[in-house]
Amino acid sequence: MQGDGIPVLVGTQTPAEVLAAVVDHGAVLLRDGGWQQDTFVALGDALMEPLPYTGGFHNERDVVGDDRTTTTVTRGTQGMPLHREASYAPGSPDLLTFLCQRPAEDGGETTLCDGIALLAALPPAVRAEFEQLSIVWETSMPTGTWQRLCGTDDPTVAEQQLRRWEGYLRPWESIHIDFTDTGLTTGFGTHCTPPTRFGGVPSFCNSLLISRPAEDEYQDQRLRVRTTAGGPVPERLLDAVSAAAQRLTIAVPWRAGDVLLVDNSRYLHGRRAFKDAGRTVMVRMGFLHENEAA
């Protein structure tokens, strides 16, 4: 069954059937399967090693009960631009899973855009520029902040902690660490159009559309994106991809009990604004089990 641009699987589905749909289509909606929090968690555990929520820099979600791998989605009722989850740091999850317990009465749809289709829809010259573009996500922290986050005032010890993330790096990614007398700057280098987890197809799957500060500004005073040559990503390129994304973006019309799974290496996601504060959507994310990630 097809709905709103992604497959909709109705009734009870096995983890293998769900994963097959994600591999083929990049996203899948499960409907009328009697999904509750416990079965939602069990499905995710069967597919992935779930990541615990630490709060990070933003602390934007609430942990559900005592399970730090299950949280609410980002607080608030504001809309959110398309983005790839945690694409600005090493260890971006492979898979996102959402459970809608209560949809909003007025909007609140999750939005999706296929990064493969988005890249293909760009004018050839623009697409070629993006395919050659490497970017660096920079985080700047004053000394007191990095000392608090790392639990040490020793830069050597702090760098050793940060270097542990190198184990998560893909071949096209890198980490840069620079301590100064006043603070710490870290850089995470990556391709703008990294290959998808399944098939290795270039995809416009990043967070450039949610992070567009002025040239010398940091979003939330902490994060900015630069090209490896220096300076911001050209606005003309971002305008072109934004226009194409508007044409390709679809909205998931949530029903209570729906489960949505998204390949985070292929699909951008966001949400539409809403007023109904009773909207309840949970999220879990993680790395696919090795035998399922081929």
C-alpha atoms as a PDB file:
ATOM      1  CA  MET A   1       0.000   0.000   0.000  1.00  0.00           C
ATOM      2  CA  GLN A   2       1.420   3.423  -0.971  1.00  0.00           C
ATOM      3  CA  GLY A   3       0.621   6.684   0.806  1.00  0.00           C
ATOM      4  CA  ASP A   4       2.075  10.175   0.683  1.00  0.00           C
ATOM      5  CA  GLY A   5       5.156   9.044  -1.212  1.00  0.00           C
ATOM      6  CA  ILE A   6       6.400   6.324   1.151  1.00  0.00           C
ATOM      7  CA  PRO A   7       5.153   2.754   1.564  1.00  0.00           C
ATOM      8  CA  VAL A   8       2.544   2.094   4.240  1.00  0.00           C
ATOM      9  CA  LEU A   9       2.608  -1.412   5.696  1.00  0.00           C
ATOM     10  CA  VAL A  10      -0.708  -2.326   7.285  1.00  0.00           C
ATOM     11  CA  GLY A  11      -1.081  -4.839  10.101  1.00  0.00           C
ATOM     12  CA  THR A  12       1.556  -6.849  11.930  1.00  0.00           C
ATOM     13  CA  GLN A  13       5.012  -6.829  10.350  1.00  0.00           C
ATOM     14  CA  THR A  14       8.171  -8.734  11.237  1.00  0.00           C
ATOM     15  CA  PRO A  15      11.448  -6.852  11.752  1.00  0.00           C
ATOM     16  CA  ALA A  16      12.795  -8.448   8.555  1.00  0.00           C
ATOM     17  CA  GLU A  17       9.824  -7.172   6.538  1.00  0.00           C
ATOM     18  CA  VAL A  18      10.184  -3.700   7.997  1.00  0.00           C
ATOM     19  CA  LEU A  19      13.909  -3.545   7.311  1.00  0.00           C
ATOM     20  CA  ALA A  20      13.400  -4.729   3.734  1.00  0.00           C
ATOM     21  CA  ALA A  21      11.023  -1.807   3.143  1.00  0.00           C
ATOM     22  CA  VAL A  22      13.511   0.659   4.636  1.00  0.00           C
ATOM     23  CA  VAL A  23      16.304  -0.739   2.445  1.00  0.00           C
ATOM     24  CA  ASP A  24      14.179  -0.442  -0.691  1.00  0.00           C
ATOM     25  CA  HIS A  25      12.448   2.878  -0.047  1.00  0.00           C
ATOM     26  CA  GLY A  26      14.406   4.733   2.641  1.00  0.00           C
ATOM     27  CA  ALA A  27      11.336   5.264   4.822  1.00  0.00           C
ATOM     28  CA  VAL A  28       8.242   3.262   5.760  1.00  0.00           C
ATOM     29  CA  LEU A  29       5.074   3.922   7.763  1.00  0.00           C
ATOM     30  CA  LEU A  30       3.577   1.085   9.835  1.00  0.00           C
ATOM     31  CA  ARG A  31      -0.162   1.422  10.441  1.00  0.00           C
ATOM     32  CA  ASP A  32      -2.893  -0.584  12.184  1.00  0.00           C
ATOM     33  CA  GLY A  33      -0.389  -2.975  13.717  1.00  0.00           C
ATOM     34  CA  GLY A  34      -1.415  -2.427  17.334  1.00  0.00           C
ATOM     35  CA  TRP A  35       1.831  -0.618  18.053  1.00  0.00           C
ATOM     36  CA  GLN A  36       2.365   0.383  21.676  1.00  0.00           C
ATOM     37  CA  GLN A  37       5.450   1.636  23.452  1.00  0.00           C
ATOM     38  CA  ASP A  38       6.654  -1.861  24.372  1.00  0.00           C
ATOM     39  CA  THR A  39       6.274  -3.308  20.861  1.00  0.00           C
ATOM     40  CA  PHE A  40       7.788  -0.154  19.368  1.00  0.00           C
ATOM     41  CA  VAL A  41      10.844  -0.582  21.610  1.00  0.00           C
ATOM     42  CA  ALA A  42      11.059  -4.292  20.781  1.00  0.00           C
ATOM     43  CA  LEU A  43      10.996  -3.572  17.035  1.00  0.00           C
ATOM     44  CA  GLY A  44      13.786  -1.026  17.356  1.00  0.00           C
ATOM     45  CA  ASP A  45      15.887  -3.354  19.487  1.00  0.00           C
ATOM     46  CA  ALA A  46      15.521  -6.087  16.856  1.00  0.00           C
ATOM     47  CA  LEU A  47      16.869  -3.784  14.148  1.00  0.00           C
ATOM     48  CA  MET A  48      19.477  -1.612  15.846  1.00  0.00           C
ATOM     49  CA  GLU A  49      21.695  -0.886  18.795  1.00  0.00           C
ATOM     50  CA  PRO A  50      19.761   2.069  20.267  1.00  0.00           C
ATOM     51  CA  LEU A  51      21.611   5.189  21.312  1.00  0.00           C
ATOM     52  CA  PRO A  52      20.985   6.601  24.802  1.00  0.00           C
ATOM     53  CA  TYR A  53      20.020  10.267  24.951  1.00  0.00           C
ATOM     54  CA  THR A  54      22.549  12.395  26.801  1.00  0.00           C
ATOM     55  CA  GLY A  55      21.110  15.844  26.170  1.00  0.00           C
ATOM     56  CA  GLY A  56      24.226  17.016  24.352  1.00  0.00           C
ATOM     57  CA  PHE A  57      24.480  20.727  23.740  1.00  0.00           C
ATOM     58  CA  HIS A  58      20.793  21.384  23.246  1.00  0.00           C
ATOM     59  CA  ASN A  59      18.960  19.147  25.759  1.00  0.00           C
ATOM     60  CA  GLU A  60      15.858  19.506  23.610  1.00  0.00           C
ATOM     61  CA  ARG A  61      13.991  16.261  24.330  1.00  0.00           C
ATOM     62  CA  ASP A  62      12.598  14.482  27.408  1.00  0.00           C
ATOM     63  CA  VAL A  63      13.524  10.920  28.363  1.00  0.00           C
ATOM     64  CA  VAL A  64      10.501   8.602  28.600  1.00  0.00           C
ATOM     65  CA  GLY A  65      10.538   6.833  31.971  1.00  0.00           C
ATOM     66  CA  ASP A  66      13.886   5.276  32.870  1.00  0.00           C
ATOM     67  CA  ASP A  67      14.773   4.270  29.297  1.00  0.00           C
ATOM     68  CA  ARG A  68      17.287   6.802  28.017  1.00  0.00           C
ATOM     69  CA  THR A  69      17.040   5.350  24.503  1.00  0.00           C
ATOM     70  CA  THR A  70      13.387   6.448  24.243  1.00  0.00           C
ATOM     71  CA  THR A  71      12.553  10.154  24.267  1.00  0.00           C
ATOM     72  CA  THR A  72       9.990  12.627  23.123  1.00  0.00           C
ATOM     73  CA  VAL A  73      10.736  14.462  19.908  1.00  0.00           C
ATOM     74  CA  THR A  74      12.027  18.027  20.164  1.00  0.00           C
ATOM     75  CA  ARG A  75       9.983  20.091  22.611  1.00  0.00           C
ATOM     76  CA  GLY A  76       7.718  22.880  21.472  1.00  0.00           C
ATOM     77  CA  THR A  77       5.168  23.375  18.728  1.00  0.00           C
ATOM     78  CA  GLN A  78       7.303  25.176  16.187  1.00  0.00           C
ATOM     79  CA  GLY A  79       7.966  23.817  12.731  1.00  0.00           C
ATOM     80  CA  MET A  80      11.398  22.406  11.987  1.00  0.00           C
ATOM     81  CA  PRO A  81      13.287  22.628   8.677  1.00  0.00           C
ATOM     82  CA  LEU A  82      14.487  19.503   6.938  1.00  0.00           C
ATOM     83  CA  HIS A  83      17.674  18.035   8.396  1.00  0.00           C
ATOM     84  CA  ARG A  84      19.633  14.840   8.910  1.00  0.00           C
ATOM     85  CA  GLU A  85      19.740  13.772  12.547  1.00  0.00           C
ATOM     86  CA  ALA A  86      23.115  14.599  14.163  1.00  0.00           C
ATOM     87  CA  SER A  87      24.808  15.099  10.790  1.00  0.00           C
ATOM     88  CA  TYR A  88      27.080  17.699  12.377  1.00  0.00           C
ATOM     89  CA  ALA A  89      29.008  15.189  14.519  1.00  0.00           C
ATOM     90  CA  PRO A  90      30.563  11.709  14.313  1.00  0.00           C
ATOM     91  CA  GLY A  91      28.248   8.806  14.993  1.00  0.00           C
ATOM     92  CA  SER A  92      25.140  10.033  13.196  1.00  0.00           C
ATOM     93  CA  PRO A  93      22.560   7.242  13.648  1.00  0.00           C
ATOM     94  CA  ASP A  94      21.679   4.860  10.835  1.00  0.00           C
ATOM     95  CA  LEU A  95      18.008   4.534  11.671  1.00  0.00           C
ATOM     96  CA  LEU A  96      15.321   6.779  13.193  1.00  0.00           C
ATOM     97  CA  THR A  97      12.125   5.263  14.585  1.00  0.00           C
ATOM     98  CA  PHE A  98       9.054   7.271  15.639  1.00  0.00           C
ATOM     99  CA  LEU A  99       5.874   6.248  17.477  1.00  0.00           C
ATOM    100  CA  CYS A 100       2.844   8.526  17.394  1.00  0.00           C
ATOM    101  CA  GLN A 101       0.791   8.076  20.549  1.00  0.00           C
ATOM    102  CA  ARG A 102      -1.380  11.128  19.913  1.00  0.00           C
ATOM    103  CA  PRO A 103      -1.349  13.276  16.765  1.00  0.00           C
ATOM    104  CA  ALA A 104      -1.908  17.014  16.899  1.00  0.00           C
ATOM    105  CA  GLU A 105      -5.369  18.265  16.037  1.00  0.00           C
ATOM    106  CA  ASP A 106      -3.915  20.982  13.821  1.00  0.00           C
ATOM    107  CA  GLY A 107      -0.817  20.096  11.831  1.00  0.00           C
ATOM    108  CA  GLY A 108       2.299  18.620  13.413  1.00  0.00           C
ATOM    109  CA  GLU A 109       2.975  16.272  10.504  1.00  0.00           C
ATOM    110  CA  THR A 110       6.501  14.927  10.201  1.00  0.00           C
ATOM    111  CA  THR A 111       7.986  16.020   6.882  1.00  0.00           C
ATOM    112  CA  LEU A 112      10.279  13.881   4.739  1.00  0.00           C
ATOM    113  CA  CYS A 113      12.431  14.491   1.685  1.00  0.00           C
ATOM    114  CA  ASP A 114      14.360  11.800  -0.168  1.00  0.00           C
ATOM    115  CA  GLY A 115      17.940  13.058  -0.439  1.00  0.00           C
ATOM    116  CA  ILE A 116      18.629  10.899  -3.509  1.00  0.00           C
ATOM    117  CA  ALA A 117      15.694  12.433  -5.359  1.00  0.00           C
ATOM    118  CA  LEU A 118      16.605  15.890  -4.079  1.00  0.00           C
ATOM    119  CA  LEU A 119      20.142  15.675  -5.440  1.00  0.00           C
ATOM    120  CA  ALA A 120      18.843  14.401  -8.793  1.00  0.00           C
ATOM    121  CA  ALA A 121      16.332  17.285  -9.001  1.00  0.00           C
ATOM    122  CA  LEU A 122      18.980  20.006  -8.812  1.00  0.00           C
ATOM    123  CA  PRO A 123      20.225  21.783 -11.940  1.00  0.00           C
ATOM    124  CA  PRO A 124      23.229  19.806 -13.239  1.00  0.00           C
ATOM    125  CA  ALA A 125      25.770  22.519 -12.448  1.00  0.00           C
ATOM    126  CA  VAL A 126      24.451  22.942  -8.899  1.00  0.00           C
ATOM    127  CA  ARG A 127      24.385  19.199  -8.366  1.00  0.00           C
ATOM    128  CA  ALA A 128      27.994  18.914  -9.526  1.00  0.00           C
ATOM    129  CA  GLU A 129      29.072  21.604  -7.048  1.00  0.00           C
ATOM    130  CA  PHE A 130      27.342  19.870  -4.163  1.00  0.00           C
ATOM    131  CA  GLU A 131      28.824  16.503  -5.118  1.00  0.00           C
ATOM    132  CA  GLN A 132      32.314  18.011  -4.914  1.00  0.00           C
ATOM    133  CA  LEU A 133      31.650  20.021  -1.744  1.00  0.00           C
ATOM    134  CA  SER A 134      33.106  19.039   1.620  1.00  0.00           C
ATOM    135  CA  ILE A 135      31.953  20.871   4.726  1.00  0.00           C
ATOM    136  CA  VAL A 136      33.130  21.299   8.309  1.00  0.00           C
ATOM    137  CA  TRP A 137      30.760  21.653  11.242  1.00  0.00           C
ATOM    138  CA  GLU A 138      32.529  23.791  13.857  1.00  0.00           C
ATOM    139  CA  THR A 139      31.650  23.949  17.547  1.00  0.00           C
ATOM    140  CA  SER A 140      33.189  26.629  19.742  1.00  0.00           C
ATOM    141  CA  MET A 141      33.154  26.378  23.535  1.00  0.00           C
ATOM    142  CA  PRO A 142      34.736  28.654  26.162  1.00  0.00           C
ATOM    143  CA  THR A 143      37.131  26.975  28.559  1.00  0.00           C
ATOM    144  CA  GLY A 144      34.633  26.611  31.390  1.00  0.00           C
ATOM    145  CA  THR A 145      32.119  24.883  29.130  1.00  0.00           C
ATOM    146  CA  TRP A 146      34.435  22.221  27.703  1.00  0.00           C
ATOM    147  CA  GLN A 147      35.874  21.578  31.174  1.00  0.00           C
ATOM    148  CA  ARG A 148      32.382  20.986  32.532  1.00  0.00           C
ATOM    149  CA  LEU A 149      31.318  18.756  29.629  1.00  0.00           C
ATOM    150  CA  CYS A 150      34.509  16.687  29.719  1.00  0.00           C
ATOM    151  CA  GLY A 151      34.774  16.589  33.508  1.00  0.00           C
ATOM    152  CA  THR A 152      38.407  17.715  33.447  1.00  0.00           C
ATOM    153  CA  ASP A 153      40.495  20.856  33.172  1.00  0.00           C
ATOM    154  CA  ASP A 154      43.314  19.017  31.390  1.00  0.00           C
ATOM    155  CA  PRO A 155      43.237  19.615  27.592  1.00  0.00           C
ATOM    156  CA  THR A 156      45.161  16.382  26.976  1.00  0.00           C
ATOM    157  CA  VAL A 157      42.571  14.307  28.824  1.00  0.00           C
ATOM    158  CA  ALA A 158      39.725  16.170  27.125  1.00  0.00           C
ATOM    159  CA  GLU A 159      41.233  15.557  23.684  1.00  0.00           C
ATOM    160  CA  GLN A 160      41.585  11.855  24.442  1.00  0.00           C
ATOM    161  CA  GLN A 161      37.853  11.773  25.239  1.00  0.00           C
ATOM    162  CA  LEU A 162      36.984  13.569  22.008  1.00  0.00           C
ATOM    163  CA  ARG A 163      39.265  11.313  19.962  1.00  0.00           C
ATOM    164  CA  ARG A 164      37.180   8.317  21.027  1.00  0.00           C
ATOM    165  CA  TRP A 165      34.667   9.460  18.417  1.00  0.00           C
ATOM    166  CA  GLU A 166      37.201   8.636  15.714  1.00  0.00           C
ATOM    167  CA  GLY A 167      36.012   5.041  15.948  1.00  0.00           C
ATOM    168  CA  TYR A 168      32.678   6.176  14.480  1.00  0.00           C
ATOM    169  CA  LEU A 169      34.169   8.010  11.520  1.00  0.00           C
ATOM    170  CA  ARG A 170      33.309   6.895   8.006  1.00  0.00           C
ATOM    171  CA  PRO A 171      36.052   7.075   5.351  1.00  0.00           C
ATOM    172  CA  TRP A 172      34.897  10.539   4.188  1.00  0.00           C
ATOM    173  CA  GLU A 173      34.748  12.030   7.713  1.00  0.00           C
ATOM    174  CA  SER A 174      37.355  13.639   9.975  1.00  0.00           C
ATOM    175  CA  ILE A 175      37.745  15.320  13.368  1.00  0.00           C
ATOM    176  CA  HIS A 176      39.735  18.474  14.118  1.00  0.00           C
ATOM    177  CA  ILE A 177      40.459  19.660  17.685  1.00  0.00           C
ATOM    178  CA  ASP A 178      42.021  22.998  18.629  1.00  0.00           C
ATOM    179  CA  PHE A 179      42.553  24.227  22.203  1.00  0.00           C
ATOM    180  CA  THR A 180      43.402  27.878  22.848  1.00  0.00           C
ATOM    181  CA  ASP A 181      43.835  29.992  25.958  1.00  0.00           C
ATOM    182  CA  THR A 182      40.162  30.967  25.828  1.00  0.00           C
ATOM    183  CA  GLY A 183      38.395  27.827  24.693  1.00  0.00           C
ATOM    184  CA  LEU A 184      38.042  24.832  22.411  1.00  0.00           C
ATOM    185  CA  THR A 185      37.051  24.584  18.775  1.00  0.00           C
ATOM    186  CA  THR A 186      36.174  21.235  17.267  1.00  0.00           C
ATOM    187  CA  GLY A 187      35.536  20.558  13.605  1.00  0.00           C
ATOM    188  CA  PHE A 188      33.727  17.633  12.027  1.00  0.00           C
ATOM    189  CA  GLY A 189      34.534  17.289   8.329  1.00  0.00           C
ATOM    190  CA  THR A 190      32.266  15.394   5.955  1.00  0.00           C
ATOM    191  CA  HIS A 191      30.996  15.271   2.391  1.00  0.00           C
ATOM    192  CA  CYS A 192      27.941  17.341   1.584  1.00  0.00           C
ATOM    193  CA  THR A 193      26.449  14.413  -0.359  1.00  0.00           C
ATOM    194  CA  PRO A 194      27.581  11.296   1.513  1.00  0.00           C
ATOM    195  CA  PRO A 195      26.725   7.813   0.233  1.00  0.00           C
ATOM    196  CA  THR A 196      23.646   6.101   1.585  1.00  0.00           C
ATOM    197  CA  ARG A 197      23.931   3.204   3.995  1.00  0.00           C
ATOM    198  CA  PHE A 198      22.223   0.906   1.503  1.00  0.00           C
ATOM    199  CA  GLY A 199      23.580   0.979  -2.034  1.00  0.00           C
ATOM    200  CA  GLY A 200      26.170   3.702  -1.475  1.00  0.00           C
ATOM    201  CA  VAL A 201      24.247   6.218  -3.602  1.00  0.00           C
ATOM    202  CA  PRO A 202      25.166   9.927  -3.206  1.00  0.00           C
ATOM    203  CA  SER A 203      22.392  11.753  -1.353  1.00  0.00           C
ATOM    204  CA  PHE A 204      21.827  15.340  -0.306  1.00  0.00           C
ATOM    205  CA  CYS A 205      21.440  14.300   3.331  1.00  0.00           C
ATOM    206  CA  ASN A 206      22.823  16.857   5.785  1.00  0.00           C
ATOM    207  CA  SER A 207      21.628  19.713   7.982  1.00  0.00           C
ATOM    208  CA  LEU A 208      22.476  22.676   5.760  1.00  0.00           C
ATOM    209  CA  LEU A 209      18.816  23.703   5.481  1.00  0.00           C
ATOM    210  CA  ILE A 210      18.401  24.032   9.249  1.00  0.00           C
ATOM    211  CA  SER A 211      21.681  25.847   9.876  1.00  0.00           C
ATOM    212  CA  ARG A 212      22.061  29.044   7.836  1.00  0.00           C
ATOM    213  CA  PRO A 213      23.660  31.665  10.124  1.00  0.00           C
ATOM    214  CA  ALA A 214      25.495  34.677   8.735  1.00  0.00           C
ATOM    215  CA  GLU A 215      29.128  34.242   7.743  1.00  0.00           C
ATOM    216  CA  ASP A 216      30.710  34.895  11.145  1.00  0.00           C
ATOM    217  CA  GLU A 217      27.871  33.681  13.376  1.00  0.00           C
ATOM    218  CA  TYR A 218      27.373  30.429  15.259  1.00  0.00           C
ATOM    219  CA  GLN A 219      23.879  28.970  15.423  1.00  0.00           C
ATOM    220  CA  ASP A 220      22.774  28.983  19.072  1.00  0.00           C
ATOM    221  CA  GLN A 221      26.212  30.585  19.637  1.00  0.00           C
ATOM    222  CA  ARG A 222      27.780  27.124  19.324  1.00  0.00           C
ATOM    223  CA  LEU A 223      27.624  25.633  15.846  1.00  0.00           C
ATOM    224  CA  ARG A 224      28.418  26.831  12.345  1.00  0.00           C
ATOM    225  CA  VAL A 225      29.124  25.148   9.041  1.00  0.00           C
ATOM    226  CA  ARG A 226      31.940  26.106   6.677  1.00  0.00           C
ATOM    227  CA  THR A 227      33.382  24.812   3.458  1.00  0.00           C
ATOM    228  CA  THR A 228      36.793  23.212   3.728  1.00  0.00           C
ATOM    229  CA  ALA A 229      38.093  26.151   1.676  1.00  0.00           C
ATOM    230  CA  GLY A 230      36.780  28.554   4.334  1.00  0.00           C
ATOM    231  CA  GLY A 231      33.677  30.685   4.455  1.00  0.00           C
ATOM    232  CA  PRO A 232      30.007  29.690   4.399  1.00  0.00           C
ATOM    233  CA  VAL A 233      28.280  27.496   1.853  1.00  0.00           C
ATOM    234  CA  PRO A 234      27.181  29.873  -0.960  1.00  0.00           C
ATOM    235  CA  GLU A 235      23.618  31.121  -0.553  1.00  0.00           C
ATOM    236  CA  ARG A 236      22.857  30.517  -4.230  1.00  0.00           C
ATOM    237  CA  LEU A 237      23.465  26.795  -3.702  1.00  0.00           C
ATOM    238  CA  LEU A 238      21.325  26.689  -0.578  1.00  0.00           C
ATOM    239  CA  ASP A 239      18.529  28.603  -2.298  1.00  0.00           C
ATOM    240  CA  ALA A 240      18.559  26.119  -5.178  1.00  0.00           C
ATOM    241  CA  VAL A 241      18.355  23.074  -2.931  1.00  0.00           C
ATOM    242  CA  SER A 242      15.688  24.704  -0.748  1.00  0.00           C
ATOM    243  CA  ALA A 243      13.504  25.353  -3.795  1.00  0.00           C
ATOM    244  CA  ALA A 244      13.893  21.771  -4.995  1.00  0.00           C
ATOM    245  CA  ALA A 245      13.159  20.408  -1.510  1.00  0.00           C
ATOM    246  CA  GLN A 246       9.893  22.343  -1.341  1.00  0.00           C
ATOM    247  CA  ARG A 247       8.698  20.501  -4.439  1.00  0.00           C
ATOM    248  CA  LEU A 248       9.713  17.073  -3.155  1.00  0.00           C
ATOM    249  CA  THR A 249       8.822  17.249   0.551  1.00  0.00           C
ATOM    250  CA  ILE A 250       5.979  15.037   1.738  1.00  0.00           C
ATOM    251  CA  ALA A 251       4.090  15.126   5.033  1.00  0.00           C
ATOM    252  CA  VAL A 252       3.198  12.108   7.165  1.00  0.00           C
ATOM    253  CA  PRO A 253      -0.422  12.487   8.378  1.00  0.00           C
ATOM    254  CA  TRP A 254      -0.020  10.889  11.792  1.00  0.00           C
ATOM    255  CA  ARG A 255      -2.600   8.571  13.321  1.00  0.00           C
ATOM    256  CA  ALA A 256      -2.409   7.233  16.864  1.00  0.00           C
ATOM    257  CA  GLY A 257      -0.382   4.014  16.853  1.00  0.00           C
ATOM    258  CA  ASP A 258       1.586   4.803  13.698  1.00  0.00           C
ATOM    259  CA  VAL A 259       5.283   3.924  13.574  1.00  0.00           C
ATOM    260  CA  LEU A 260       7.644   5.611  11.107  1.00  0.00           C
ATOM    261  CA  LEU A 261      11.133   4.323  10.267  1.00  0.00           C
ATOM    262  CA  VAL A 262      13.641   6.482   8.388  1.00  0.00           C
ATOM    263  CA  ASP A 263      17.033   5.727   6.856  1.00  0.00           C
ATOM    264  CA  ASN A 264      19.002   8.662   8.284  1.00  0.00           C
ATOM    265  CA  SER A 265      21.630   8.412   5.540  1.00  0.00           C
ATOM    266  CA  ARG A 266      19.049   8.996   2.811  1.00  0.00           C
ATOM    267  CA  TYR A 267      16.030  10.929   4.084  1.00  0.00           C
ATOM    268  CA  LEU A 268      15.869  14.432   5.522  1.00  0.00           C
ATOM    269  CA  HIS A 269      13.116  14.969   8.092  1.00  0.00           C
ATOM    270  CA  GLY A 270      11.425  17.881   9.813  1.00  0.00           C
ATOM    271  CA  ARG A 271       7.956  18.820  11.026  1.00  0.00           C
ATOM    272  CA  ARG A 272       5.123  21.255  10.447  1.00  0.00           C
ATOM    273  CA  ALA A 273       4.110  23.709  13.151  1.00  0.00           C
ATOM    274  CA  PHE A 274       1.072  23.006  15.321  1.00  0.00           C
ATOM    275  CA  LYS A 275      -0.804  24.475  18.304  1.00  0.00           C
ATOM    276  CA  ASP A 276      -2.052  21.336  20.050  1.00  0.00           C
ATOM    277  CA  ALA A 277       0.367  20.819  22.941  1.00  0.00           C
ATOM    278  CA  GLY A 278      -1.059  17.334  23.496  1.00  0.00           C
ATOM    279  CA  ARG A 279       0.738  15.955  20.445  1.00  0.00           C
ATOM    280  CA  THR A 280       2.834  12.990  21.635  1.00  0.00           C
ATOM    281  CA  VAL A 281       5.475  11.432  19.396  1.00  0.00           C
ATOM    282  CA  MET A 282       8.363   9.332  20.689  1.00  0.00           C
ATOM    283  CA  VAL A 283      11.671   8.744  18.950  1.00  0.00           C
ATOM    284  CA  ARG A 284      14.442   6.166  19.173  1.00  0.00           C
ATOM    285  CA  MET A 285      17.549   6.002  17.006  1.00  0.00           C
ATOM    286  CA  GLY A 286      20.619   3.881  16.669  1.00  0.00           C
ATOM    287  CA  PHE A 287      23.117   1.890  14.616  1.00  0.00           C
ATOM    288  CA  LEU A 288      21.862  -1.071  12.605  1.00  0.00           C
ATOM    289  CA  HIS A 289      23.037  -4.448  13.845  1.00  0.00           C
ATOM    290  CA  GLU A 290      26.079  -5.546  11.842  1.00  0.00           C
ATOM    291  CA  ASN A 291      24.281  -8.436  10.154  1.00  0.00           C
ATOM    292  CA  GLU A 292      21.594  -5.999   8.941  1.00  0.00           C
ATOM    293  CA  ALA A 293      23.791  -3.078   7.868  1.00  0.00           C
ATOM    294  CA  ALA A 294      25.307  -4.645   4.759  1.00  0.00           C
END
